[in-house]
Amino acid sequence: MVVDNSLGFDRFIIIPAKHYGNAVERNKLRRRAKELFRLYPKRNMTGQDLSSTAHDIALVVYPGKVSSYSLLESDFYKLLDRIG
């Protein structure tokens, strides 16, 4: 889910479904996704360029096949490119 915000910078939250593994696996997914978002080169993080639209991004993740970090990275960046 993506919603525009008026803060001037992007925000991100990841929500693993309750049945997505155990707490360790859910937290590992959160840490990886937050790091990928932090390193995303097109992210609006300055808060000074108010002419560009900033977003609040919520990503709900359901259980499924566990993928490698590089596959997660490429899929995650493709998803963020579609938003911006």
N, C-alpha and C. Protein backbone atom coordinates (compact mmCIF):
# COMPACT_ATOMS: atom_id res chain seq x y z
N MET A 1 0.85 -1.16 0.00
CA MET A 1 0.00 0.00 0.00
C MET A 1 0.90 1.23 0.00
N VAL A 2 0.56 2.19 -0.83
CA VAL A 2 1.34 3.42 -0.94
C VAL A 2 0.40 4.61 -0.80
N VAL A 3 0.80 5.54 0.06
CA VAL A 3 0.02 6.76 0.29
C VAL A 3 0.98 7.93 0.24
N ASP A 4 0.59 9.00 -0.43
CA ASP A 4 1.42 10.21 -0.45
C ASP A 4 1.42 10.85 0.94
N ASN A 5 2.55 11.45 1.28
CA ASN A 5 2.60 12.19 2.54
C ASN A 5 3.14 13.59 2.27
N SER A 6 2.98 14.47 3.19
CA SER A 6 3.42 15.86 3.02
C SER A 6 4.69 16.16 3.82
N LEU A 7 5.37 15.12 4.26
CA LEU A 7 6.56 15.31 5.08
C LEU A 7 7.80 15.66 4.27
N GLY A 8 7.79 15.31 2.98
CA GLY A 8 8.95 15.60 2.14
C GLY A 8 9.96 14.47 2.10
N PHE A 9 9.72 13.38 2.79
CA PHE A 9 10.61 12.22 2.74
C PHE A 9 9.78 10.95 2.81
N ASP A 10 10.35 9.87 2.28
CA ASP A 10 9.66 8.59 2.24
C ASP A 10 9.77 7.87 3.58
N ARG A 11 8.71 7.13 3.90
CA ARG A 11 8.72 6.26 5.08
C ARG A 11 8.30 4.87 4.65
N PHE A 12 8.77 3.86 5.40
CA PHE A 12 8.54 2.47 5.01
C PHE A 12 8.25 1.63 6.24
N ILE A 13 7.29 0.72 6.09
CA ILE A 13 7.01 -0.27 7.13
C ILE A 13 6.77 -1.61 6.44
N ILE A 14 7.29 -2.66 7.03
CA ILE A 14 7.06 -4.00 6.51
C ILE A 14 6.30 -4.78 7.58
N ILE A 15 5.27 -5.50 7.12
CA ILE A 15 4.40 -6.23 8.05
C ILE A 15 4.35 -7.69 7.61
N PRO A 16 5.13 -8.56 8.24
CA PRO A 16 5.01 -9.98 7.91
C PRO A 16 3.71 -10.53 8.50
N ALA A 17 3.03 -11.39 7.75
CA ALA A 17 1.81 -12.02 8.25
C ALA A 17 2.14 -12.83 9.50
N LYS A 18 1.15 -13.02 10.34
CA LYS A 18 1.36 -13.69 11.62
C LYS A 18 1.95 -15.09 11.45
N HIS A 19 1.57 -15.76 10.39
CA HIS A 19 2.04 -17.13 10.19
C HIS A 19 3.28 -17.19 9.31
N TYR A 20 4.01 -16.08 9.20
CA TYR A 20 5.25 -16.05 8.44
C TYR A 20 6.37 -16.53 9.36
N GLY A 21 6.61 -17.79 9.39
CA GLY A 21 7.69 -18.36 10.20
C GLY A 21 7.55 -18.03 11.67
N ASN A 22 8.68 -18.09 12.35
CA ASN A 22 8.68 -17.72 13.77
C ASN A 22 9.17 -16.28 13.91
N ALA A 23 9.28 -15.80 15.13
CA ALA A 23 9.66 -14.41 15.37
C ALA A 23 11.04 -14.09 14.81
N VAL A 24 11.96 -15.03 14.88
CA VAL A 24 13.31 -14.81 14.36
C VAL A 24 13.26 -14.58 12.85
N GLU A 25 12.49 -15.38 12.13
CA GLU A 25 12.39 -15.23 10.68
C GLU A 25 11.68 -13.94 10.29
N ARG A 26 10.65 -13.56 11.03
CA ARG A 26 9.94 -12.30 10.74
C ARG A 26 10.86 -11.11 10.97
N ASN A 27 11.62 -11.12 12.06
CA ASN A 27 12.53 -10.01 12.33
C ASN A 27 13.68 -9.96 11.33
N LYS A 28 14.15 -11.10 10.88
CA LYS A 28 15.20 -11.14 9.86
C LYS A 28 14.69 -10.51 8.57
N LEU A 29 13.45 -10.84 8.19
CA LEU A 29 12.84 -10.25 7.00
C LEU A 29 12.72 -8.74 7.17
N ARG A 30 12.26 -8.28 8.31
CA ARG A 30 12.14 -6.83 8.57
C ARG A 30 13.49 -6.13 8.45
N ARG A 31 14.51 -6.71 9.07
CA ARG A 31 15.84 -6.09 9.02
C ARG A 31 16.36 -6.01 7.60
N ARG A 32 16.20 -7.07 6.83
CA ARG A 32 16.67 -7.08 5.44
C ARG A 32 15.93 -6.04 4.61
N ALA A 33 14.61 -6.00 4.73
CA ALA A 33 13.81 -5.07 3.94
C ALA A 33 14.12 -3.62 4.31
N LYS A 34 14.27 -3.33 5.58
CA LYS A 34 14.60 -1.97 6.01
C LYS A 34 15.97 -1.54 5.50
N GLU A 35 16.92 -2.46 5.49
CA GLU A 35 18.25 -2.15 4.97
C GLU A 35 18.19 -1.91 3.46
N LEU A 36 17.43 -2.72 2.74
CA LEU A 36 17.28 -2.50 1.30
C LEU A 36 16.63 -1.14 1.03
N PHE A 37 15.64 -0.78 1.82
CA PHE A 37 15.00 0.53 1.65
C PHE A 37 15.98 1.65 1.97
N ARG A 38 16.78 1.47 2.99
CA ARG A 38 17.76 2.49 3.36
C ARG A 38 18.77 2.71 2.25
N LEU A 39 19.17 1.63 1.56
CA LEU A 39 20.18 1.71 0.51
C LEU A 39 19.59 2.05 -0.87
N TYR A 40 18.27 2.12 -0.99
CA TYR A 40 17.62 2.39 -2.28
C TYR A 40 18.05 3.75 -2.80
N PRO A 41 18.67 3.80 -3.98
CA PRO A 41 19.27 5.06 -4.44
C PRO A 41 18.27 6.16 -4.79
N LYS A 42 17.03 5.83 -5.15
CA LYS A 42 16.07 6.85 -5.58
C LYS A 42 15.17 7.32 -4.45
N ARG A 43 15.48 6.93 -3.24
CA ARG A 43 14.63 7.28 -2.10
C ARG A 43 14.76 8.76 -1.77
N ASN A 44 13.64 9.40 -1.51
CA ASN A 44 13.63 10.81 -1.11
C ASN A 44 13.79 10.85 0.40
N MET A 45 14.99 11.22 0.85
CA MET A 45 15.24 11.17 2.29
C MET A 45 15.64 12.50 2.88
N THR A 46 15.79 13.52 2.06
CA THR A 46 16.29 14.79 2.59
C THR A 46 15.24 15.59 3.33
N GLY A 47 13.99 15.54 2.86
CA GLY A 47 12.96 16.34 3.49
C GLY A 47 13.00 17.79 3.05
N GLN A 48 13.95 18.14 2.15
CA GLN A 48 14.08 19.53 1.72
C GLN A 48 13.45 19.78 0.36
N ASP A 49 13.35 18.76 -0.48
CA ASP A 49 12.76 18.93 -1.80
C ASP A 49 11.27 18.62 -1.72
N LEU A 50 10.49 19.61 -1.35
CA LEU A 50 9.05 19.40 -1.16
C LEU A 50 8.29 19.37 -2.49
N SER A 51 8.97 19.69 -3.61
CA SER A 51 8.30 19.65 -4.90
C SER A 51 8.05 18.22 -5.35
N SER A 52 8.90 17.28 -4.94
CA SER A 52 8.68 15.88 -5.31
C SER A 52 7.77 15.23 -4.28
N THR A 53 7.01 14.28 -4.74
CA THR A 53 6.05 13.61 -3.86
C THR A 53 6.75 12.57 -3.00
N ALA A 54 6.48 12.61 -1.72
CA ALA A 54 7.01 11.61 -0.80
C ALA A 54 5.91 10.61 -0.50
N HIS A 55 6.31 9.41 -0.09
CA HIS A 55 5.35 8.33 0.10
C HIS A 55 5.49 7.67 1.46
N ASP A 56 4.37 7.16 1.94
CA ASP A 56 4.36 6.20 3.05
C ASP A 56 4.11 4.85 2.40
N ILE A 57 5.01 3.90 2.61
CA ILE A 57 4.93 2.60 1.95
C ILE A 57 4.76 1.53 3.01
N ALA A 58 3.70 0.74 2.87
CA ALA A 58 3.45 -0.39 3.77
C ALA A 58 3.45 -1.65 2.93
N LEU A 59 4.26 -2.62 3.31
CA LEU A 59 4.40 -3.86 2.56
C LEU A 59 4.02 -5.02 3.47
N VAL A 60 2.99 -5.77 3.08
CA VAL A 60 2.56 -6.94 3.83
C VAL A 60 3.13 -8.17 3.14
N VAL A 61 3.84 -9.01 3.89
CA VAL A 61 4.50 -10.18 3.34
C VAL A 61 3.84 -11.44 3.89
N TYR A 62 3.47 -12.32 2.99
CA TYR A 62 2.83 -13.58 3.37
C TYR A 62 3.83 -14.72 3.23
N PRO A 63 3.61 -15.83 3.94
CA PRO A 63 4.52 -16.96 3.86
C PRO A 63 4.61 -17.50 2.43
N GLY A 64 5.77 -17.98 2.11
CA GLY A 64 6.00 -18.53 0.79
C GLY A 64 7.41 -19.05 0.71
N LYS A 65 7.87 -19.20 -0.49
CA LYS A 65 9.22 -19.69 -0.71
C LYS A 65 10.25 -18.67 -0.21
N VAL A 66 11.19 -19.13 0.55
CA VAL A 66 12.26 -18.26 1.04
C VAL A 66 13.25 -18.06 -0.09
N SER A 67 13.56 -16.81 -0.39
CA SER A 67 14.47 -16.52 -1.48
C SER A 67 15.78 -15.97 -0.95
N SER A 68 16.78 -15.98 -1.81
CA SER A 68 18.09 -15.48 -1.42
C SER A 68 18.03 -13.95 -1.29
N TYR A 69 19.04 -13.41 -0.66
CA TYR A 69 19.09 -11.97 -0.43
C TYR A 69 19.14 -11.20 -1.75
N SER A 70 19.91 -11.71 -2.73
CA SER A 70 20.04 -11.01 -4.00
C SER A 70 18.73 -11.01 -4.77
N LEU A 71 17.97 -12.11 -4.70
CA LEU A 71 16.66 -12.16 -5.35
C LEU A 71 15.69 -11.24 -4.64
N LEU A 72 15.73 -11.21 -3.33
CA LEU A 72 14.89 -10.29 -2.55
C LEU A 72 15.22 -8.85 -2.92
N GLU A 73 16.49 -8.55 -3.06
CA GLU A 73 16.92 -7.20 -3.41
C GLU A 73 16.39 -6.78 -4.78
N SER A 74 16.55 -7.63 -5.78
CA SER A 74 16.10 -7.26 -7.12
C SER A 74 14.58 -7.10 -7.17
N ASP A 75 13.84 -8.01 -6.55
CA ASP A 75 12.38 -7.91 -6.53
C ASP A 75 11.92 -6.67 -5.77
N PHE A 76 12.58 -6.38 -4.66
CA PHE A 76 12.21 -5.24 -3.83
C PHE A 76 12.44 -3.93 -4.59
N TYR A 77 13.57 -3.82 -5.29
CA TYR A 77 13.87 -2.61 -6.04
C TYR A 77 12.94 -2.44 -7.24
N LYS A 78 12.54 -3.54 -7.87
CA LYS A 78 11.57 -3.46 -8.96
C LYS A 78 10.23 -2.91 -8.43
N LEU A 79 9.84 -3.38 -7.26
CA LEU A 79 8.60 -2.91 -6.65
C LEU A 79 8.70 -1.41 -6.32
N LEU A 80 9.81 -0.97 -5.76
CA LEU A 80 9.97 0.45 -5.43
C LEU A 80 10.06 1.31 -6.69
N ASP A 81 10.64 0.78 -7.77
CA ASP A 81 10.69 1.54 -9.02
C ASP A 81 9.30 1.77 -9.59
N ARG A 82 8.41 0.81 -9.41
CA ARG A 82 7.04 0.98 -9.89
C ARG A 82 6.31 2.08 -9.13
N ILE A 83 6.66 2.28 -7.88
CA ILE A 83 6.01 3.31 -7.06
C ILE A 83 6.45 4.70 -7.48
N GLY A 84 7.76 4.87 -7.63
CA GLY A 84 8.32 6.20 -7.88
C GLY A 84 8.27 6.56 -9.29
